Amino acid sequence: MQIDSAQLDTFAAVVDEGSFDAAARRLNITPSAVSQRIKALEGRLGQVVVMRGKPARPTEVGEALRRLARQVSLLELEAIAAIRGRADTLRLPIAVNADSLNNWFLPAMLDLSRQHAARFVVHQEDEEHSAGFLRNGTVLAAVTADPRPVQGCRVVPLGKMRYLAVATPEYADRWLTGRPLADALAEAPMMVFNSKDLLQHRLIRKVTRRRLDPPTHAVPAPGAFHQAVRIGLGWGMIEDEVAQPELAAGRLVDIAPGKYIDVPLYWQHWKLQSEVLDALTAAVLRAASQGLR
């Protein structure tokens, strides 16, 4: 069985853009032509590859096709650049957790952009879940907390991000002083990034050896999360390098001295003989060596 390249490109455009109409605009063809190509692809494979909806999404079979489309596109553009002697702009979809984006990762993007004509498409995702974007073909590389390689991928250790449990002095006096910390944490308001953020719960289990369910505020943006802790809305886990200046100035206090959380990070990427992917990996490793433990 062979997959028609025009049908594969059309499929990739549909799942990237989220609709047949948007894919048609990207490819400069009619929506009818998009529909015909998708139907022909599904007929060739004998299976549905796109779930029609808003947005259009790949089926499980379609996820395998999306991985193929990403790989073919990258290698094709690199081959054309080698033939022409000049590089066209490469689209590089990657998945990165919010704290890495907020701290050490952006210099890697700048580093690569100075070497190659690359257009990054960054998917922000929790490090415990970002490998899913590799599995379904959404991205070609990801920062993840999972050392187990996704099928078809390589894994490179990056280092660790250390998080400290901090709060304002006023918050600590109100909620944590005068009783055992294990009891206080059961009632003290706590910050989380979103429902996937388990760092605070991991700290609670480390301190109390219990599973507690304290009042929780969810603030899904790194800057706003930090600010919420700084104004005393709740306690939270903040990266060591971000917390240390605040601790030194007395604006924050460590509510559980010596009870930090280290999160190992890994770089997973497709196993492709790709100059750009190799250069991106090298740039990420350089940035990680400067920003991680």
C-alpha atoms as a PDB file:
ATOM      1  CA  MET A   1       0.000   0.000   0.000  1.00  0.00           C
ATOM      2  CA  GLN A   2       1.253   3.478  -0.914  1.00  0.00           C
ATOM      3  CA  ILE A   3      -0.059   6.770   0.472  1.00  0.00           C
ATOM      4  CA  ASP A   4      -0.505   9.585  -2.006  1.00  0.00           C
ATOM      5  CA  SER A   5       1.620  12.584  -0.977  1.00  0.00           C
ATOM      6  CA  ALA A   6      -1.049  15.150  -1.909  1.00  0.00           C
ATOM      7  CA  GLN A   7      -3.626  13.284   0.172  1.00  0.00           C
ATOM      8  CA  LEU A   8      -1.182  13.104   3.098  1.00  0.00           C
ATOM      9  CA  ASP A   9      -0.448  16.852   2.868  1.00  0.00           C
ATOM     10  CA  THR A  10      -4.170  17.567   2.773  1.00  0.00           C
ATOM     11  CA  PHE A  11      -4.811  15.382   5.804  1.00  0.00           C
ATOM     12  CA  ALA A  12      -2.041  17.188   7.728  1.00  0.00           C
ATOM     13  CA  ALA A  13      -3.531  20.562   6.792  1.00  0.00           C
ATOM     14  CA  VAL A  14      -6.991  19.527   8.006  1.00  0.00           C
ATOM     15  CA  VAL A  15      -5.796  18.368  11.445  1.00  0.00           C
ATOM     16  CA  ASP A  16      -3.417  21.346  11.797  1.00  0.00           C
ATOM     17  CA  GLU A  17      -5.981  23.954  10.822  1.00  0.00           C
ATOM     18  CA  GLY A  18      -8.989  22.265  12.427  1.00  0.00           C
ATOM     19  CA  SER A  19     -11.369  22.382   9.462  1.00  0.00           C
ATOM     20  CA  PHE A  20     -11.681  21.526   5.776  1.00  0.00           C
ATOM     21  CA  ASP A  21     -12.232  25.184   4.863  1.00  0.00           C
ATOM     22  CA  ALA A  22      -9.099  26.370   6.668  1.00  0.00           C
ATOM     23  CA  ALA A  23      -7.096  23.554   5.094  1.00  0.00           C
ATOM     24  CA  ALA A  24      -8.351  24.621   1.683  1.00  0.00           C
ATOM     25  CA  ARG A  25      -7.140  28.181   2.287  1.00  0.00           C
ATOM     26  CA  ARG A  26      -3.724  26.928   3.400  1.00  0.00           C
ATOM     27  CA  LEU A  27      -3.357  24.687   0.349  1.00  0.00           C
ATOM     28  CA  ASN A  28      -4.941  27.143  -2.117  1.00  0.00           C
ATOM     29  CA  ILE A  29      -7.508  24.606  -3.272  1.00  0.00           C
ATOM     30  CA  THR A  30     -11.279  24.364  -2.858  1.00  0.00           C
ATOM     31  CA  PRO A  31     -12.968  22.806   0.197  1.00  0.00           C
ATOM     32  CA  SER A  32     -14.496  20.292  -2.205  1.00  0.00           C
ATOM     33  CA  ALA A  33     -11.019  19.225  -3.315  1.00  0.00           C
ATOM     34  CA  VAL A  34      -9.978  18.816   0.322  1.00  0.00           C
ATOM     35  CA  SER A  35     -13.017  16.629   0.983  1.00  0.00           C
ATOM     36  CA  GLN A  36     -12.320  14.516  -2.097  1.00  0.00           C
ATOM     37  CA  ARG A  37      -8.695  13.935  -1.115  1.00  0.00           C
ATOM     38  CA  ILE A  38      -9.634  12.919   2.453  1.00  0.00           C
ATOM     39  CA  LYS A  39     -12.311  10.532   1.177  1.00  0.00           C
ATOM     40  CA  ALA A  40      -9.821   9.036  -1.293  1.00  0.00           C
ATOM     41  CA  LEU A  41      -7.259   8.596   1.498  1.00  0.00           C
ATOM     42  CA  GLU A  42      -9.826   6.916   3.735  1.00  0.00           C
ATOM     43  CA  GLY A  43     -10.919   4.713   0.852  1.00  0.00           C
ATOM     44  CA  ARG A  44      -7.317   3.671   0.205  1.00  0.00           C
ATOM     45  CA  LEU A  45      -6.741   2.835   3.888  1.00  0.00           C
ATOM     46  CA  GLY A  46     -10.184   1.389   4.477  1.00  0.00           C
ATOM     47  CA  GLN A  47     -10.554   3.422   7.687  1.00  0.00           C
ATOM     48  CA  VAL A  48     -11.705   6.865   8.808  1.00  0.00           C
ATOM     49  CA  VAL A  49      -8.748   9.153   9.536  1.00  0.00           C
ATOM     50  CA  VAL A  50     -10.525  12.414  10.441  1.00  0.00           C
ATOM     51  CA  MET A  51     -13.315  12.948  12.947  1.00  0.00           C
ATOM     52  CA  ARG A  52     -15.520  15.597  11.358  1.00  0.00           C
ATOM     53  CA  GLY A  53     -16.330  18.245  13.916  1.00  0.00           C
ATOM     54  CA  LYS A  54     -15.260  21.612  15.266  1.00  0.00           C
ATOM     55  CA  PRO A  55     -12.346  21.253  15.286  1.00  0.00           C
ATOM     56  CA  ALA A  56     -11.646  18.354  12.965  1.00  0.00           C
ATOM     57  CA  ARG A  57      -9.447  15.840  14.792  1.00  0.00           C
ATOM     58  CA  PRO A  58      -7.520  12.740  13.771  1.00  0.00           C
ATOM     59  CA  THR A  59      -8.817   9.310  14.690  1.00  0.00           C
ATOM     60  CA  GLU A  60      -6.451   6.776  16.265  1.00  0.00           C
ATOM     61  CA  VAL A  61      -5.471   5.691  12.750  1.00  0.00           C
ATOM     62  CA  GLY A  62      -5.144   9.350  11.822  1.00  0.00           C
ATOM     63  CA  GLU A  63      -2.649   9.936  14.643  1.00  0.00           C
ATOM     64  CA  ALA A  64      -0.256   7.470  13.013  1.00  0.00           C
ATOM     65  CA  LEU A  65      -0.740   9.303   9.722  1.00  0.00           C
ATOM     66  CA  ARG A  66      -0.040  12.635  11.403  1.00  0.00           C
ATOM     67  CA  ARG A  67       3.300  11.321  12.672  1.00  0.00           C
ATOM     68  CA  LEU A  68       4.133  10.193   9.148  1.00  0.00           C
ATOM     69  CA  ALA A  69       3.084  13.545   7.663  1.00  0.00           C
ATOM     70  CA  ARG A  70       5.288  15.480  10.117  1.00  0.00           C
ATOM     71  CA  GLN A  71       8.298  13.297   9.400  1.00  0.00           C
ATOM     72  CA  VAL A  72       7.871  13.381   5.622  1.00  0.00           C
ATOM     73  CA  SER A  73       7.429  17.164   5.646  1.00  0.00           C
ATOM     74  CA  LEU A  74      10.575  17.770   7.690  1.00  0.00           C
ATOM     75  CA  LEU A  75      12.767  15.460   5.601  1.00  0.00           C
ATOM     76  CA  GLU A  76      11.302  16.762   2.347  1.00  0.00           C
ATOM     77  CA  LEU A  77      12.043  20.396   3.222  1.00  0.00           C
ATOM     78  CA  GLU A  78      15.587  19.521   4.268  1.00  0.00           C
ATOM     79  CA  ALA A  79      16.178  17.642   1.004  1.00  0.00           C
ATOM     80  CA  ILE A  80      14.838  20.548  -1.064  1.00  0.00           C
ATOM     81  CA  ALA A  81      17.071  22.968   0.866  1.00  0.00           C
ATOM     82  CA  ALA A  82      20.107  20.786   0.156  1.00  0.00           C
ATOM     83  CA  ILE A  83      19.272  20.650  -3.567  1.00  0.00           C
ATOM     84  CA  ARG A  84      18.588  24.378  -3.909  1.00  0.00           C
ATOM     85  CA  GLY A  85      21.389  25.465  -1.627  1.00  0.00           C
ATOM     86  CA  ARG A  86      19.014  27.552   0.469  1.00  0.00           C
ATOM     87  CA  ALA A  87      16.598  26.708   3.236  1.00  0.00           C
ATOM     88  CA  ASP A  88      12.853  27.210   3.210  1.00  0.00           C
ATOM     89  CA  THR A  89      11.186  27.958   6.524  1.00  0.00           C
ATOM     90  CA  LEU A  90      10.669  24.806   8.572  1.00  0.00           C
ATOM     91  CA  ARG A  91       7.663  24.352  10.824  1.00  0.00           C
ATOM     92  CA  LEU A  92       8.819  22.820  14.116  1.00  0.00           C
ATOM     93  CA  PRO A  93       6.008  21.759  16.467  1.00  0.00           C
ATOM     94  CA  ILE A  94       7.315  21.029  19.975  1.00  0.00           C
ATOM     95  CA  ALA A  95       5.798  20.499  23.439  1.00  0.00           C
ATOM     96  CA  VAL A  96       7.274  22.246  26.492  1.00  0.00           C
ATOM     97  CA  ASN A  97       6.051  22.618  30.060  1.00  0.00           C
ATOM     98  CA  ALA A  98       5.187  26.103  31.301  1.00  0.00           C
ATOM     99  CA  ASP A  99       7.991  26.445  33.859  1.00  0.00           C
ATOM    100  CA  SER A 100      10.641  25.467  31.307  1.00  0.00           C
ATOM    101  CA  LEU A 101       9.244  28.030  28.872  1.00  0.00           C
ATOM    102  CA  ASN A 102       9.246  30.619  31.627  1.00  0.00           C
ATOM    103  CA  ASN A 103      12.852  29.917  32.592  1.00  0.00           C
ATOM    104  CA  TRP A 104      15.490  28.075  30.563  1.00  0.00           C
ATOM    105  CA  PHE A 105      13.976  26.909  27.240  1.00  0.00           C
ATOM    106  CA  LEU A 106      13.564  30.078  25.155  1.00  0.00           C
ATOM    107  CA  PRO A 107      17.333  30.560  24.630  1.00  0.00           C
ATOM    108  CA  ALA A 108      17.351  27.190  22.852  1.00  0.00           C
ATOM    109  CA  MET A 109      14.770  28.488  20.388  1.00  0.00           C
ATOM    110  CA  LEU A 110      16.823  31.640  19.799  1.00  0.00           C
ATOM    111  CA  ASP A 111      19.966  29.534  19.352  1.00  0.00           C
ATOM    112  CA  LEU A 112      18.353  27.395  16.644  1.00  0.00           C
ATOM    113  CA  SER A 113      16.746  30.366  14.894  1.00  0.00           C
ATOM    114  CA  ARG A 114      20.223  31.793  14.324  1.00  0.00           C
ATOM    115  CA  GLN A 115      21.262  28.611  12.508  1.00  0.00           C
ATOM    116  CA  HIS A 116      18.127  27.610  10.588  1.00  0.00           C
ATOM    117  CA  ALA A 117      15.023  29.202   9.104  1.00  0.00           C
ATOM    118  CA  ALA A 118      12.627  27.681  11.629  1.00  0.00           C
ATOM    119  CA  ARG A 119       9.106  28.601  12.716  1.00  0.00           C
ATOM    120  CA  PHE A 120       8.312  27.161  16.125  1.00  0.00           C
ATOM    121  CA  VAL A 121       4.834  26.020  17.056  1.00  0.00           C
ATOM    122  CA  VAL A 122       4.977  25.543  20.831  1.00  0.00           C
ATOM    123  CA  HIS A 123       2.382  23.424  22.615  1.00  0.00           C
ATOM    124  CA  GLN A 124       2.446  24.177  26.339  1.00  0.00           C
ATOM    125  CA  GLU A 125       1.810  21.020  28.333  1.00  0.00           C
ATOM    126  CA  ASP A 126       2.611  19.623  31.765  1.00  0.00           C
ATOM    127  CA  GLU A 127       5.834  17.618  31.729  1.00  0.00           C
ATOM    128  CA  GLU A 128       3.980  14.544  33.008  1.00  0.00           C
ATOM    129  CA  HIS A 129       1.674  14.608  29.971  1.00  0.00           C
ATOM    130  CA  SER A 130       3.710  16.121  27.106  1.00  0.00           C
ATOM    131  CA  ALA A 131       4.819  12.704  25.774  1.00  0.00           C
ATOM    132  CA  GLY A 132       1.234  12.239  24.601  1.00  0.00           C
ATOM    133  CA  PHE A 133       1.855  14.855  21.916  1.00  0.00           C
ATOM    134  CA  LEU A 134       4.667  12.671  20.554  1.00  0.00           C
ATOM    135  CA  ARG A 135       2.458   9.592  20.554  1.00  0.00           C
ATOM    136  CA  ASN A 136      -0.297  11.250  18.552  1.00  0.00           C
ATOM    137  CA  GLY A 137       2.045  12.978  16.105  1.00  0.00           C
ATOM    138  CA  THR A 138       1.279  16.552  17.156  1.00  0.00           C
ATOM    139  CA  VAL A 139       4.945  17.402  17.821  1.00  0.00           C
ATOM    140  CA  LEU A 140       8.356  16.176  16.717  1.00  0.00           C
ATOM    141  CA  ALA A 141      10.019  16.727  20.117  1.00  0.00           C
ATOM    142  CA  ALA A 142       9.014  17.394  23.712  1.00  0.00           C
ATOM    143  CA  VAL A 143      10.319  18.236  27.163  1.00  0.00           C
ATOM    144  CA  THR A 144       8.922  15.496  29.375  1.00  0.00           C
ATOM    145  CA  ALA A 145       9.286  13.974  32.837  1.00  0.00           C
ATOM    146  CA  ASP A 146       8.990  10.456  31.391  1.00  0.00           C
ATOM    147  CA  PRO A 147      12.342   8.662  30.867  1.00  0.00           C
ATOM    148  CA  ARG A 148      10.655   5.880  28.894  1.00  0.00           C
ATOM    149  CA  PRO A 149      10.977   6.543  25.155  1.00  0.00           C
ATOM    150  CA  VAL A 150       7.818   6.912  23.126  1.00  0.00           C
ATOM    151  CA  GLN A 151       7.850   4.397  20.277  1.00  0.00           C
ATOM    152  CA  GLY A 152      10.070   5.737  17.509  1.00  0.00           C
ATOM    153  CA  CYS A 153      11.725   8.342  19.742  1.00  0.00           C
ATOM    154  CA  ARG A 154      15.065   8.939  21.456  1.00  0.00           C
ATOM    155  CA  VAL A 155      15.384  10.183  25.042  1.00  0.00           C
ATOM    156  CA  VAL A 156      18.113  12.501  26.348  1.00  0.00           C
ATOM    157  CA  PRO A 157      18.354  13.493  30.056  1.00  0.00           C
ATOM    158  CA  LEU A 158      18.292  17.273  30.550  1.00  0.00           C
ATOM    159  CA  GLY A 159      18.633  17.800  34.306  1.00  0.00           C
ATOM    160  CA  LYS A 160      16.337  18.646  37.175  1.00  0.00           C
ATOM    161  CA  MET A 161      14.106  21.568  38.114  1.00  0.00           C
ATOM    162  CA  ARG A 162      13.954  22.130  41.876  1.00  0.00           C
ATOM    163  CA  TYR A 163      10.796  23.513  43.458  1.00  0.00           C
ATOM    164  CA  LEU A 164      10.458  25.047  46.930  1.00  0.00           C
ATOM    165  CA  ALA A 165       7.265  25.335  48.986  1.00  0.00           C
ATOM    166  CA  VAL A 166       6.902  29.059  49.664  1.00  0.00           C
ATOM    167  CA  ALA A 167       4.427  31.612  50.982  1.00  0.00           C
ATOM    168  CA  THR A 168       4.437  35.169  52.251  1.00  0.00           C
ATOM    169  CA  PRO A 169       5.414  35.727  55.909  1.00  0.00           C
ATOM    170  CA  GLU A 170       1.916  37.059  56.593  1.00  0.00           C
ATOM    171  CA  TYR A 171       0.319  33.970  55.056  1.00  0.00           C
ATOM    172  CA  ALA A 172       2.584  31.684  57.074  1.00  0.00           C
ATOM    173  CA  ASP A 173       1.722  33.518  60.319  1.00  0.00           C
ATOM    174  CA  ARG A 174      -2.011  33.232  59.624  1.00  0.00           C
ATOM    175  CA  TRP A 175      -2.242  29.657  58.364  1.00  0.00           C
ATOM    176  CA  LEU A 176       0.846  27.711  59.408  1.00  0.00           C
ATOM    177  CA  THR A 177       2.138  29.045  62.711  1.00  0.00           C
ATOM    178  CA  GLY A 178       1.317  27.576  66.120  1.00  0.00           C
ATOM    179  CA  ARG A 179       0.509  23.980  65.162  1.00  0.00           C
ATOM    180  CA  PRO A 180       2.175  21.045  63.430  1.00  0.00           C
ATOM    181  CA  LEU A 181       2.759  21.713  59.738  1.00  0.00           C
ATOM    182  CA  ALA A 182       1.072  18.430  58.806  1.00  0.00           C
ATOM    183  CA  ASP A 183      -2.162  19.626  60.435  1.00  0.00           C
ATOM    184  CA  ALA A 184      -1.911  23.159  59.055  1.00  0.00           C
ATOM    185  CA  LEU A 185      -1.473  21.996  55.458  1.00  0.00           C
ATOM    186  CA  ALA A 186      -4.837  20.247  55.585  1.00  0.00           C
ATOM    187  CA  GLU A 187      -6.603  23.622  55.869  1.00  0.00           C
ATOM    188  CA  ALA A 188      -4.202  26.190  54.388  1.00  0.00           C
ATOM    189  CA  PRO A 189      -5.230  27.470  50.912  1.00  0.00           C
ATOM    190  CA  MET A 190      -2.942  26.117  48.223  1.00  0.00           C
ATOM    191  CA  MET A 191      -2.084  27.204  44.668  1.00  0.00           C
ATOM    192  CA  VAL A 192      -2.016  24.825  41.689  1.00  0.00           C
ATOM    193  CA  PHE A 193      -1.296  25.570  38.047  1.00  0.00           C
ATOM    194  CA  ASN A 194      -4.145  23.379  36.794  1.00  0.00           C
ATOM    195  CA  SER A 195      -5.687  19.969  37.447  1.00  0.00           C
ATOM    196  CA  LYS A 196      -2.546  18.250  36.098  1.00  0.00           C
ATOM    197  CA  ASP A 197      -0.260  20.050  38.553  1.00  0.00           C
ATOM    198  CA  LEU A 198       0.537  17.598  41.355  1.00  0.00           C
ATOM    199  CA  LEU A 199       3.671  19.253  42.753  1.00  0.00           C
ATOM    200  CA  GLN A 200       1.919  20.695  45.789  1.00  0.00           C
ATOM    201  CA  HIS A 201       0.271  17.357  46.569  1.00  0.00           C
ATOM    202  CA  ARG A 202       3.649  15.628  46.275  1.00  0.00           C
ATOM    203  CA  LEU A 203       5.082  18.072  48.816  1.00  0.00           C
ATOM    204  CA  ILE A 204       2.165  17.455  51.173  1.00  0.00           C
ATOM    205  CA  ARG A 205       2.713  13.700  51.005  1.00  0.00           C
ATOM    206  CA  LYS A 206       6.443  14.203  51.563  1.00  0.00           C
ATOM    207  CA  VAL A 207       5.809  16.296  54.692  1.00  0.00           C
ATOM    208  CA  THR A 208       2.748  14.571  56.166  1.00  0.00           C
ATOM    209  CA  ARG A 209       2.875  11.012  54.736  1.00  0.00           C
ATOM    210  CA  ARG A 210      -0.834  11.528  54.137  1.00  0.00           C
ATOM    211  CA  ARG A 211      -3.094  12.399  51.222  1.00  0.00           C
ATOM    212  CA  LEU A 212      -4.774  15.698  52.018  1.00  0.00           C
ATOM    213  CA  ASP A 213      -7.274  17.773  50.049  1.00  0.00           C
ATOM    214  CA  PRO A 214      -6.829  21.407  51.140  1.00  0.00           C
ATOM    215  CA  PRO A 215      -8.672  24.407  49.614  1.00  0.00           C
ATOM    216  CA  THR A 216      -7.141  25.058  46.193  1.00  0.00           C
ATOM    217  CA  HIS A 217      -6.842  28.000  43.802  1.00  0.00           C
ATOM    218  CA  ALA A 218      -6.006  27.131  40.155  1.00  0.00           C
ATOM    219  CA  VAL A 219      -4.066  29.791  38.226  1.00  0.00           C
ATOM    220  CA  PRO A 220      -2.838  28.399  34.866  1.00  0.00           C
ATOM    221  CA  ALA A 221      -0.131  30.943  34.001  1.00  0.00           C
ATOM    222  CA  PRO A 222       3.393  30.986  35.465  1.00  0.00           C
ATOM    223  CA  GLY A 223       3.594  34.743  36.056  1.00  0.00           C
ATOM    224  CA  ALA A 224       0.127  34.950  37.577  1.00  0.00           C
ATOM    225  CA  PHE A 225       0.775  31.814  39.672  1.00  0.00           C
ATOM    226  CA  HIS A 226       3.906  33.382  41.145  1.00  0.00           C
ATOM    227  CA  GLN A 227       2.088  36.651  41.775  1.00  0.00           C
ATOM    228  CA  ALA A 228      -0.754  34.828  43.528  1.00  0.00           C
ATOM    229  CA  VAL A 229       1.778  33.329  45.945  1.00  0.00           C
ATOM    230  CA  ARG A 230       3.515  36.699  46.386  1.00  0.00           C
ATOM    231  CA  ILE A 231       0.291  38.462  47.430  1.00  0.00           C
ATOM    232  CA  GLY A 232      -0.654  35.697  49.873  1.00  0.00           C
ATOM    233  CA  LEU A 233      -3.511  33.981  48.045  1.00  0.00           C
ATOM    234  CA  GLY A 234      -1.996  30.601  48.905  1.00  0.00           C
ATOM    235  CA  TRP A 235       1.243  28.686  49.239  1.00  0.00           C
ATOM    236  CA  GLY A 236       2.765  27.061  46.198  1.00  0.00           C
ATOM    237  CA  MET A 237       5.754  25.293  44.692  1.00  0.00           C
ATOM    238  CA  ILE A 238       7.988  27.775  42.858  1.00  0.00           C
ATOM    239  CA  GLU A 239      11.209  27.099  40.958  1.00  0.00           C
ATOM    240  CA  ASP A 240      14.299  27.461  43.130  1.00  0.00           C
ATOM    241  CA  GLU A 241      15.950  30.129  40.972  1.00  0.00           C
ATOM    242  CA  VAL A 242      12.755  32.204  40.970  1.00  0.00           C
ATOM    243  CA  ALA A 243      12.111  31.799  44.703  1.00  0.00           C
ATOM    244  CA  GLN A 244      15.631  32.441  46.020  1.00  0.00           C
ATOM    245  CA  PRO A 245      15.703  36.252  45.443  1.00  0.00           C
ATOM    246  CA  GLU A 246      12.281  36.559  47.106  1.00  0.00           C
ATOM    247  CA  LEU A 247      13.448  34.439  50.048  1.00  0.00           C
ATOM    248  CA  ALA A 248      16.628  36.495  50.415  1.00  0.00           C
ATOM    249  CA  ALA A 249      14.611  39.723  50.449  1.00  0.00           C
ATOM    250  CA  GLY A 250      12.195  38.376  53.063  1.00  0.00           C
ATOM    251  CA  ARG A 251       9.183  38.666  50.771  1.00  0.00           C
ATOM    252  CA  LEU A 252       8.659  34.890  50.856  1.00  0.00           C
ATOM    253  CA  VAL A 253       9.473  32.164  53.369  1.00  0.00           C
ATOM    254  CA  ASP A 254      10.192  28.473  52.880  1.00  0.00           C
ATOM    255  CA  ILE A 255       7.310  26.746  54.667  1.00  0.00           C
ATOM    256  CA  ALA A 256       8.974  23.308  54.624  1.00  0.00           C
ATOM    257  CA  PRO A 257      12.766  23.830  54.856  1.00  0.00           C
ATOM    258  CA  GLY A 258      14.687  20.955  53.324  1.00  0.00           C
ATOM    259  CA  LYS A 259      11.521  19.460  51.801  1.00  0.00           C
ATOM    260  CA  TYR A 260      11.927  20.424  48.155  1.00  0.00           C
ATOM    261  CA  ILE A 261      10.736  18.577  45.033  1.00  0.00           C
ATOM    262  CA  ASP A 262      13.163  17.793  42.199  1.00  0.00           C
ATOM    263  CA  VAL A 263      11.582  17.115  38.807  1.00  0.00           C
ATOM    264  CA  PRO A 264      13.877  15.297  36.325  1.00  0.00           C
ATOM    265  CA  LEU A 265      13.342  16.443  32.745  1.00  0.00           C
ATOM    266  CA  TYR A 266      14.066  14.659  29.479  1.00  0.00           C
ATOM    267  CA  TRP A 267      14.140  15.655  25.822  1.00  0.00           C
ATOM    268  CA  GLN A 268      12.331  13.170  23.587  1.00  0.00           C
ATOM    269  CA  HIS A 269      12.468  13.488  19.804  1.00  0.00           C
ATOM    270  CA  TRP A 270      11.757  11.404  16.749  1.00  0.00           C
ATOM    271  CA  LYS A 271      14.461   9.045  15.459  1.00  0.00           C
ATOM    272  CA  LEU A 272      15.126  10.877  12.204  1.00  0.00           C
ATOM    273  CA  GLN A 273      18.355  11.646  10.376  1.00  0.00           C
ATOM    274  CA  SER A 274      17.521  15.346  10.366  1.00  0.00           C
ATOM    275  CA  GLU A 275      20.035  18.174  10.473  1.00  0.00           C
ATOM    276  CA  VAL A 276      17.495  20.569  11.946  1.00  0.00           C
ATOM    277  CA  LEU A 277      16.304  18.130  14.596  1.00  0.00           C
ATOM    278  CA  ASP A 278      19.900  17.393  15.579  1.00  0.00           C
ATOM    279  CA  ALA A 279      20.626  21.122  15.806  1.00  0.00           C
ATOM    280  CA  LEU A 280      17.504  21.681  17.906  1.00  0.00           C
ATOM    281  CA  THR A 281      18.526  18.892  20.278  1.00  0.00           C
ATOM    282  CA  ALA A 282      22.004  20.377  20.638  1.00  0.00           C
ATOM    283  CA  ALA A 283      20.520  23.819  21.358  1.00  0.00           C
ATOM    284  CA  VAL A 284      18.163  22.381  23.981  1.00  0.00           C
ATOM    285  CA  LEU A 285      21.035  20.563  25.699  1.00  0.00           C
ATOM    286  CA  ARG A 286      23.107  23.766  25.799  1.00  0.00           C
ATOM    287  CA  ALA A 287      20.205  25.701  27.319  1.00  0.00           C
ATOM    288  CA  ALA A 288      19.491  22.946  29.832  1.00  0.00           C
ATOM    289  CA  SER A 289      23.129  22.867  30.944  1.00  0.00           C
ATOM    290  CA  GLN A 290      22.800  26.546  31.861  1.00  0.00           C
ATOM    291  CA  GLY A 291      19.345  26.475  33.408  1.00  0.00           C
ATOM    292  CA  LEU A 292      18.876  23.088  35.085  1.00  0.00           C
ATOM    293  CA  ARG A 293      20.589  21.199  37.879  1.00  0.00           C
END
